[in-house]
Amino acid sequence: MRPCVPVAAVVGCVLSAINEGTQIATGQAGWPTWVRVGLNFVVPFMVASYGYLSAARVPRWRAGLPAQDETADHEM
């Protein structure tokens, strides 16, 4: 979760400024606007989390890394 929060914060701020910035700046932001602002942070968090977990689950052979048994032999 730690690497995903900064991504969500930056992307969420940018998306909120682009999509709802005018309504917020003019004081016309109602609860639907704030729901959309919240979703602007949730969606990048979910995407970053999925990407992080997908990369962590890549088999070592697909990532071009040696198998764990091979690295244990070289360390002795």
PDB file of N, CA and C in Angstrom:
ATOM      1  N   MET A   1       0.808  -1.182   0.000  1.00  0.00           N
ATOM      2  CA  MET A   1       0.000   0.000   0.000  1.00  0.00           C
ATOM      3  C   MET A   1       0.862   1.261   0.000  1.00  0.00           C
ATOM      4  N   ARG A   2       2.031   1.162   0.588  1.00  0.00           N
ATOM      5  CA  ARG A   2       2.901   2.336   0.718  1.00  0.00           C
ATOM      6  C   ARG A   2       3.277   2.955  -0.632  1.00  0.00           C
ATOM      7  N   PRO A   3       3.660   2.198  -1.666  1.00  0.00           N
ATOM      8  CA  PRO A   3       4.016   2.856  -2.931  1.00  0.00           C
ATOM      9  C   PRO A   3       2.811   3.362  -3.715  1.00  0.00           C
ATOM     10  N   CYS A   4       1.624   2.906  -3.389  1.00  0.00           N
ATOM     11  CA  CYS A   4       0.440   3.277  -4.163  1.00  0.00           C
ATOM     12  C   CYS A   4      -0.194   4.583  -3.703  1.00  0.00           C
ATOM     13  N   VAL A   5      -0.050   4.929  -2.442  1.00  0.00           N
ATOM     14  CA  VAL A   5      -0.690   6.127  -1.899  1.00  0.00           C
ATOM     15  C   VAL A   5      -0.143   7.405  -2.542  1.00  0.00           C
ATOM     16  N   PRO A   6       1.180   7.572  -2.691  1.00  0.00           N
ATOM     17  CA  PRO A   6       1.653   8.801  -3.337  1.00  0.00           C
ATOM     18  C   PRO A   6       1.185   8.933  -4.789  1.00  0.00           C
ATOM     19  N   VAL A   7       1.122   7.825  -5.497  1.00  0.00           N
ATOM     20  CA  VAL A   7       0.635   7.856  -6.878  1.00  0.00           C
ATOM     21  C   VAL A   7      -0.813   8.324  -6.898  1.00  0.00           C
ATOM     22  N   ALA A   8      -1.628   7.751  -6.035  1.00  0.00           N
ATOM     23  CA  ALA A   8      -3.038   8.116  -5.980  1.00  0.00           C
ATOM     24  C   ALA A   8      -3.214   9.576  -5.578  1.00  0.00           C
ATOM     25  N   ALA A   9      -2.376  10.066  -4.676  1.00  0.00           N
ATOM     26  CA  ALA A   9      -2.492  11.460  -4.233  1.00  0.00           C
ATOM     27  C   ALA A   9      -2.190  12.429  -5.366  1.00  0.00           C
ATOM     28  N   VAL A  10      -1.109  12.185  -6.083  1.00  0.00           N
ATOM     29  CA  VAL A  10      -0.729  13.091  -7.168  1.00  0.00           C
ATOM     30  C   VAL A  10      -1.737  13.010  -8.314  1.00  0.00           C
ATOM     31  N   VAL A  11      -2.035  11.827  -8.764  1.00  0.00           N
ATOM     32  CA  VAL A  11      -2.959  11.663  -9.893  1.00  0.00           C
ATOM     33  C   VAL A  11      -4.360  12.140  -9.508  1.00  0.00           C
ATOM     34  N   GLY A  12      -4.779  11.858  -8.279  1.00  0.00           N
ATOM     35  CA  GLY A  12      -6.089  12.300  -7.823  1.00  0.00           C
ATOM     36  C   GLY A  12      -6.215  13.815  -7.806  1.00  0.00           C
ATOM     37  N   CYS A  13      -5.164  14.501  -7.355  1.00  0.00           N
ATOM     38  CA  CYS A  13      -5.182  15.973  -7.360  1.00  0.00           C
ATOM     39  C   CYS A  13      -5.254  16.524  -8.775  1.00  0.00           C
ATOM     40  N   VAL A  14      -4.476  15.952  -9.661  1.00  0.00           N
ATOM     41  CA  VAL A  14      -4.482  16.419 -11.051  1.00  0.00           C
ATOM     42  C   VAL A  14      -5.848  16.187 -11.692  1.00  0.00           C
ATOM     43  N   LEU A  15      -6.397  14.982 -11.531  1.00  0.00           N
ATOM     44  CA  LEU A  15      -7.706  14.691 -12.115  1.00  0.00           C
ATOM     45  C   LEU A  15      -8.798  15.576 -11.523  1.00  0.00           C
ATOM     46  N   SER A  16      -8.748  15.809 -10.218  1.00  0.00           N
ATOM     47  CA  SER A  16      -9.751  16.656  -9.578  1.00  0.00           C
ATOM     48  C   SER A  16      -9.658  18.092 -10.082  1.00  0.00           C
ATOM     49  N   ALA A  17      -8.450  18.590 -10.250  1.00  0.00           N
ATOM     50  CA  ALA A  17      -8.279  19.954 -10.766  1.00  0.00           C
ATOM     51  C   ALA A  17      -8.797  20.065 -12.195  1.00  0.00           C
ATOM     52  N   ILE A  18      -8.534  19.052 -13.001  1.00  0.00           N
ATOM     53  CA  ILE A  18      -8.980  19.083 -14.394  1.00  0.00           C
ATOM     54  C   ILE A  18     -10.489  18.937 -14.491  1.00  0.00           C
ATOM     55  N   ASN A  19     -11.037  17.954 -13.802  1.00  0.00           N
ATOM     56  CA  ASN A  19     -12.447  17.610 -13.978  1.00  0.00           C
ATOM     57  C   ASN A  19     -13.405  18.450 -13.141  1.00  0.00           C
ATOM     58  N   GLU A  20     -13.066  18.732 -11.899  1.00  0.00           N
ATOM     59  CA  GLU A  20     -13.986  19.439 -11.011  1.00  0.00           C
ATOM     60  C   GLU A  20     -13.449  20.773 -10.521  1.00  0.00           C
ATOM     61  N   GLY A  21     -12.326  21.204 -11.026  1.00  0.00           N
ATOM     62  CA  GLY A  21     -11.691  22.438 -10.559  1.00  0.00           C
ATOM     63  C   GLY A  21     -12.562  23.669 -10.696  1.00  0.00           C
ATOM     64  N   THR A  22     -13.263  23.804 -11.800  1.00  0.00           N
ATOM     65  CA  THR A  22     -14.107  24.973 -12.023  1.00  0.00           C
ATOM     66  C   THR A  22     -15.251  25.015 -11.021  1.00  0.00           C
ATOM     67  N   GLN A  23     -15.908  23.897 -10.802  1.00  0.00           N
ATOM     68  CA  GLN A  23     -17.025  23.862  -9.840  1.00  0.00           C
ATOM     69  C   GLN A  23     -16.550  24.166  -8.423  1.00  0.00           C
ATOM     70  N   ILE A  24     -15.394  23.661  -8.059  1.00  0.00           N
ATOM     71  CA  ILE A  24     -14.866  23.909  -6.714  1.00  0.00           C
ATOM     72  C   ILE A  24     -14.461  25.375  -6.572  1.00  0.00           C
ATOM     73  N   ALA A  25     -13.796  25.914  -7.581  1.00  0.00           N
ATOM     74  CA  ALA A  25     -13.321  27.300  -7.518  1.00  0.00           C
ATOM     75  C   ALA A  25     -14.470  28.304  -7.481  1.00  0.00           C
ATOM     76  N   THR A  26     -15.573  27.999  -8.150  1.00  0.00           N
ATOM     77  CA  THR A  26     -16.707  28.930  -8.174  1.00  0.00           C
ATOM     78  C   THR A  26     -17.672  28.704  -7.018  1.00  0.00           C
ATOM     79  N   GLY A  27     -17.418  27.712  -6.172  1.00  0.00           N
ATOM     80  CA  GLY A  27     -18.273  27.446  -5.029  1.00  0.00           C
ATOM     81  C   GLY A  27     -19.549  26.697  -5.377  1.00  0.00           C
ATOM     82  N   GLN A  28     -19.591  26.070  -6.523  1.00  0.00           N
ATOM     83  CA  GLN A  28     -20.783  25.352  -6.962  1.00  0.00           C
ATOM     84  C   GLN A  28     -20.658  23.847  -6.760  1.00  0.00           C
ATOM     85  N   ALA A  29     -19.751  23.430  -5.900  1.00  0.00           N
ATOM     86  CA  ALA A  29     -19.522  22.001  -5.692  1.00  0.00           C
ATOM     87  C   ALA A  29     -20.505  21.460  -4.666  1.00  0.00           C
ATOM     88  N   GLY A  30     -21.385  20.598  -5.130  1.00  0.00           N
ATOM     89  CA  GLY A  30     -22.306  19.911  -4.228  1.00  0.00           C
ATOM     90  C   GLY A  30     -21.757  18.546  -3.885  1.00  0.00           C
ATOM     91  N   TRP A  31     -22.567  17.739  -3.217  1.00  0.00           N
ATOM     92  CA  TRP A  31     -22.083  16.420  -2.816  1.00  0.00           C
ATOM     93  C   TRP A  31     -21.733  15.535  -4.002  1.00  0.00           C
ATOM     94  N   PRO A  32     -22.447  15.615  -5.164  1.00  0.00           N
ATOM     95  CA  PRO A  32     -22.014  14.768  -6.292  1.00  0.00           C
ATOM     96  C   PRO A  32     -20.602  15.116  -6.780  1.00  0.00           C
ATOM     97  N   THR A  33     -20.264  16.385  -6.709  1.00  0.00           N
ATOM     98  CA  THR A  33     -18.912  16.798  -7.105  1.00  0.00           C
ATOM     99  C   THR A  33     -17.880  16.183  -6.171  1.00  0.00           C
ATOM    100  N   TRP A  34     -18.159  16.188  -4.869  1.00  0.00           N
ATOM    101  CA  TRP A  34     -17.194  15.656  -3.910  1.00  0.00           C
ATOM    102  C   TRP A  34     -17.088  14.136  -4.003  1.00  0.00           C
ATOM    103  N   VAL A  35     -18.161  13.481  -4.414  1.00  0.00           N
ATOM    104  CA  VAL A  35     -18.088  12.031  -4.665  1.00  0.00           C
ATOM    105  C   VAL A  35     -17.155  11.771  -5.838  1.00  0.00           C
ATOM    106  N   ARG A  36     -17.285  12.569  -6.901  1.00  0.00           N
ATOM    107  CA  ARG A  36     -16.395  12.410  -8.058  1.00  0.00           C
ATOM    108  C   ARG A  36     -14.946  12.712  -7.678  1.00  0.00           C
ATOM    109  N   VAL A  37     -14.737  13.712  -6.818  1.00  0.00           N
ATOM    110  CA  VAL A  37     -13.375  14.019  -6.351  1.00  0.00           C
ATOM    111  C   VAL A  37     -12.803  12.810  -5.606  1.00  0.00           C
ATOM    112  N   GLY A  38     -13.619  12.201  -4.748  1.00  0.00           N
ATOM    113  CA  GLY A  38     -13.155  11.008  -4.035  1.00  0.00           C
ATOM    114  C   GLY A  38     -12.790   9.878  -4.979  1.00  0.00           C
ATOM    115  N   LEU A  39     -13.608   9.692  -6.006  1.00  0.00           N
ATOM    116  CA  LEU A  39     -13.311   8.641  -6.988  1.00  0.00           C
ATOM    117  C   LEU A  39     -12.050   8.955  -7.785  1.00  0.00           C
ATOM    118  N   ASN A  40     -11.734  10.236  -7.941  1.00  0.00           N
ATOM    119  CA  ASN A  40     -10.499  10.619  -8.622  1.00  0.00           C
ATOM    120  C   ASN A  40      -9.269  10.131  -7.868  1.00  0.00           C
ATOM    121  N   PHE A  41      -9.411   9.853  -6.585  1.00  0.00           N
ATOM    122  CA  PHE A  41      -8.307   9.315  -5.795  1.00  0.00           C
ATOM    123  C   PHE A  41      -8.369   7.793  -5.696  1.00  0.00           C
ATOM    124  N   VAL A  42      -9.564   7.243  -5.659  1.00  0.00           N
ATOM    125  CA  VAL A  42      -9.725   5.794  -5.512  1.00  0.00           C
ATOM    126  C   VAL A  42      -9.258   5.056  -6.762  1.00  0.00           C
ATOM    127  N   VAL A  43      -9.632   5.556  -7.929  1.00  0.00           N
ATOM    128  CA  VAL A  43      -9.293   4.854  -9.174  1.00  0.00           C
ATOM    129  C   VAL A  43      -7.775   4.755  -9.381  1.00  0.00           C
ATOM    130  N   PRO A  44      -7.004   5.849  -9.256  1.00  0.00           N
ATOM    131  CA  PRO A  44      -5.546   5.682  -9.408  1.00  0.00           C
ATOM    132  C   PRO A  44      -4.932   4.774  -8.348  1.00  0.00           C
ATOM    133  N   PHE A  45      -5.498   4.783  -7.132  1.00  0.00           N
ATOM    134  CA  PHE A  45      -4.994   3.885  -6.101  1.00  0.00           C
ATOM    135  C   PHE A  45      -5.192   2.431  -6.507  1.00  0.00           C
ATOM    136  N   MET A  46      -6.364   2.137  -7.036  1.00  0.00           N
ATOM    137  CA  MET A  46      -6.642   0.766  -7.470  1.00  0.00           C
ATOM    138  C   MET A  46      -5.741   0.351  -8.630  1.00  0.00           C
ATOM    139  N   VAL A  47      -5.528   1.244  -9.571  1.00  0.00           N
ATOM    140  CA  VAL A  47      -4.668   0.937 -10.719  1.00  0.00           C
ATOM    141  C   VAL A  47      -3.229   0.724 -10.264  1.00  0.00           C
ATOM    142  N   ALA A  48      -2.737   1.602  -9.390  1.00  0.00           N
ATOM    143  CA  ALA A  48      -1.365   1.455  -8.894  1.00  0.00           C
ATOM    144  C   ALA A  48      -1.211   0.168  -8.084  1.00  0.00           C
ATOM    145  N   SER A  49      -2.213  -0.157  -7.286  1.00  0.00           N
ATOM    146  CA  SER A  49      -2.163  -1.392  -6.493  1.00  0.00           C
ATOM    147  C   SER A  49      -2.134  -2.620  -7.391  1.00  0.00           C
ATOM    148  N   TYR A  50      -2.982  -2.611  -8.397  1.00  0.00           N
ATOM    149  CA  TYR A  50      -3.023  -3.743  -9.330  1.00  0.00           C
ATOM    150  C   TYR A  50      -1.676  -3.891 -10.055  1.00  0.00           C
ATOM    151  N   GLY A  51      -1.116  -2.781 -10.505  1.00  0.00           N
ATOM    152  CA  GLY A  51       0.183  -2.842 -11.181  1.00  0.00           C
ATOM    153  C   GLY A  51       1.284  -3.338 -10.272  1.00  0.00           C
ATOM    154  N   TYR A  52       1.282  -2.873  -9.034  1.00  0.00           N
ATOM    155  CA  TYR A  52       2.293  -3.305  -8.077  1.00  0.00           C
ATOM    156  C   TYR A  52       2.173  -4.791  -7.775  1.00  0.00           C
ATOM    157  N   LEU A  53       0.947  -5.248  -7.541  1.00  0.00           N
ATOM    158  CA  LEU A  53       0.747  -6.663  -7.241  1.00  0.00           C
ATOM    159  C   LEU A  53       1.036  -7.547  -8.452  1.00  0.00           C
ATOM    160  N   SER A  54       0.685  -7.071  -9.635  1.00  0.00           N
ATOM    161  CA  SER A  54       0.975  -7.844 -10.852  1.00  0.00           C
ATOM    162  C   SER A  54       2.472  -8.002 -11.052  1.00  0.00           C
ATOM    163  N   ALA A  55       3.209  -6.936 -10.832  1.00  0.00           N
ATOM    164  CA  ALA A  55       4.667  -7.007 -10.992  1.00  0.00           C
ATOM    165  C   ALA A  55       5.286  -7.911  -9.927  1.00  0.00           C
ATOM    166  N   ALA A  56       4.730  -7.905  -8.740  1.00  0.00           N
ATOM    167  CA  ALA A  56       5.268  -8.737  -7.658  1.00  0.00           C
ATOM    168  C   ALA A  56       4.990 -10.220  -7.891  1.00  0.00           C
ATOM    169  N   ARG A  57       3.967 -10.529  -8.658  1.00  0.00           N
ATOM    170  CA  ARG A  57       3.603 -11.925  -8.888  1.00  0.00           C
ATOM    171  C   ARG A  57       4.190 -12.503 -10.177  1.00  0.00           C
ATOM    172  N   VAL A  58       4.967 -11.745 -10.903  1.00  0.00           N
ATOM    173  CA  VAL A  58       5.574 -12.249 -12.132  1.00  0.00           C
ATOM    174  C   VAL A  58       6.552 -13.356 -11.757  1.00  0.00           C
ATOM    175  N   PRO A  59       6.428 -14.520 -12.384  1.00  0.00           N
ATOM    176  CA  PRO A  59       7.389 -15.587 -12.086  1.00  0.00           C
ATOM    177  C   PRO A  59       8.818 -15.123 -12.374  1.00  0.00           C
ATOM    178  N   ARG A  60       9.742 -15.607 -11.594  1.00  0.00           N
ATOM    179  CA  ARG A  60      11.135 -15.169 -11.742  1.00  0.00           C
ATOM    180  C   ARG A  60      11.665 -15.431 -13.150  1.00  0.00           C
ATOM    181  N   TRP A  61      11.249 -16.515 -13.784  1.00  0.00           N
ATOM    182  CA  TRP A  61      11.771 -16.829 -15.124  1.00  0.00           C
ATOM    183  C   TRP A  61      11.236 -15.845 -16.158  1.00  0.00           C
ATOM    184  N   ARG A  62      10.021 -15.319 -15.964  1.00  0.00           N
ATOM    185  CA  ARG A  62       9.471 -14.349 -16.918  1.00  0.00           C
ATOM    186  C   ARG A  62      10.131 -12.991 -16.756  1.00  0.00           C
ATOM    187  N   ALA A  63      10.616 -12.701 -15.553  1.00  0.00           N
ATOM    188  CA  ALA A  63      11.277 -11.426 -15.305  1.00  0.00           C
ATOM    189  C   ALA A  63      12.749 -11.478 -15.713  1.00  0.00           C
ATOM    190  N   GLY A  64      13.220 -12.613 -16.197  1.00  0.00           N
ATOM    191  CA  GLY A  64      14.612 -12.761 -16.603  1.00  0.00           C
ATOM    192  C   GLY A  64      15.550 -12.976 -15.432  1.00  0.00           C
ATOM    193  N   LEU A  65      15.011 -13.357 -14.275  1.00  0.00           N
ATOM    194  CA  LEU A  65      15.833 -13.601 -13.101  1.00  0.00           C
ATOM    195  C   LEU A  65      16.089 -15.092 -12.951  1.00  0.00           C
ATOM    196  N   PRO A  66      17.201 -15.454 -12.356  1.00  0.00           N
ATOM    197  CA  PRO A  66      17.454 -16.882 -12.139  1.00  0.00           C
ATOM    198  C   PRO A  66      16.488 -17.435 -11.105  1.00  0.00           C
ATOM    199  N   ALA A  67      16.276 -18.728 -11.171  1.00  0.00           N
ATOM    200  CA  ALA A  67      15.419 -19.388 -10.185  1.00  0.00           C
ATOM    201  C   ALA A  67      16.050 -19.254  -8.801  1.00  0.00           C
ATOM    202  N   GLN A  68      15.275 -19.346  -7.768  1.00  0.00           N
ATOM    203  CA  GLN A  68      15.798 -19.171  -6.413  1.00  0.00           C
ATOM    204  C   GLN A  68      16.829 -20.226  -6.069  1.00  0.00           C
ATOM    205  N   ASP A  69      16.691 -21.441  -6.589  1.00  0.00           N
ATOM    206  CA  ASP A  69      17.668 -22.500  -6.311  1.00  0.00           C
ATOM    207  C   ASP A  69      19.026 -22.136  -6.880  1.00  0.00           C
ATOM    208  N   GLU A  70      19.056 -21.498  -8.074  1.00  0.00           N
ATOM    209  CA  GLU A  70      20.327 -21.131  -8.692  1.00  0.00           C
ATOM    210  C   GLU A  70      21.040 -20.046  -7.895  1.00  0.00           C
ATOM    211  N   THR A  71      20.309 -19.086  -7.328  1.00  0.00           N
ATOM    212  CA  THR A  71      20.959 -18.028  -6.575  1.00  0.00           C
ATOM    213  C   THR A  71      21.537 -18.565  -5.269  1.00  0.00           C
ATOM    214  N   ALA A  72      20.906 -19.592  -4.682  1.00  0.00           N
ATOM    215  CA  ALA A  72      21.428 -20.169  -3.427  1.00  0.00           C
ATOM    216  C   ALA A  72      22.757 -20.855  -3.687  1.00  0.00           C
ATOM    217  N   ASP A  73      22.931 -21.493  -4.851  1.00  0.00           N
ATOM    218  CA  ASP A  73      24.189 -22.170  -5.174  1.00  0.00           C
ATOM    219  C   ASP A  73      25.325 -21.170  -5.357  1.00  0.00           C
ATOM    220  N   HIS A  74      25.047 -20.018  -5.921  1.00  0.00           N
ATOM    221  CA  HIS A  74      26.092 -19.040  -6.200  1.00  0.00           C
ATOM    222  C   HIS A  74      26.539 -18.284  -4.964  1.00  0.00           C
ATOM    223  N   GLU A  75      25.738 -18.259  -3.933  1.00  0.00           N
ATOM    224  CA  GLU A  75      26.098 -17.510  -2.742  1.00  0.00           C
ATOM    225  C   GLU A  75      27.056 -18.272  -1.838  1.00  0.00           C
ATOM    226  N   MET A  76      27.201 -19.576  -2.032  1.00  0.00           N
ATOM    227  CA  MET A  76      28.078 -20.369  -1.151  1.00  0.00           C
ATOM    228  C   MET A  76      29.496 -20.214  -1.503  1.00  0.00           C
TER     229      MET A  76
END
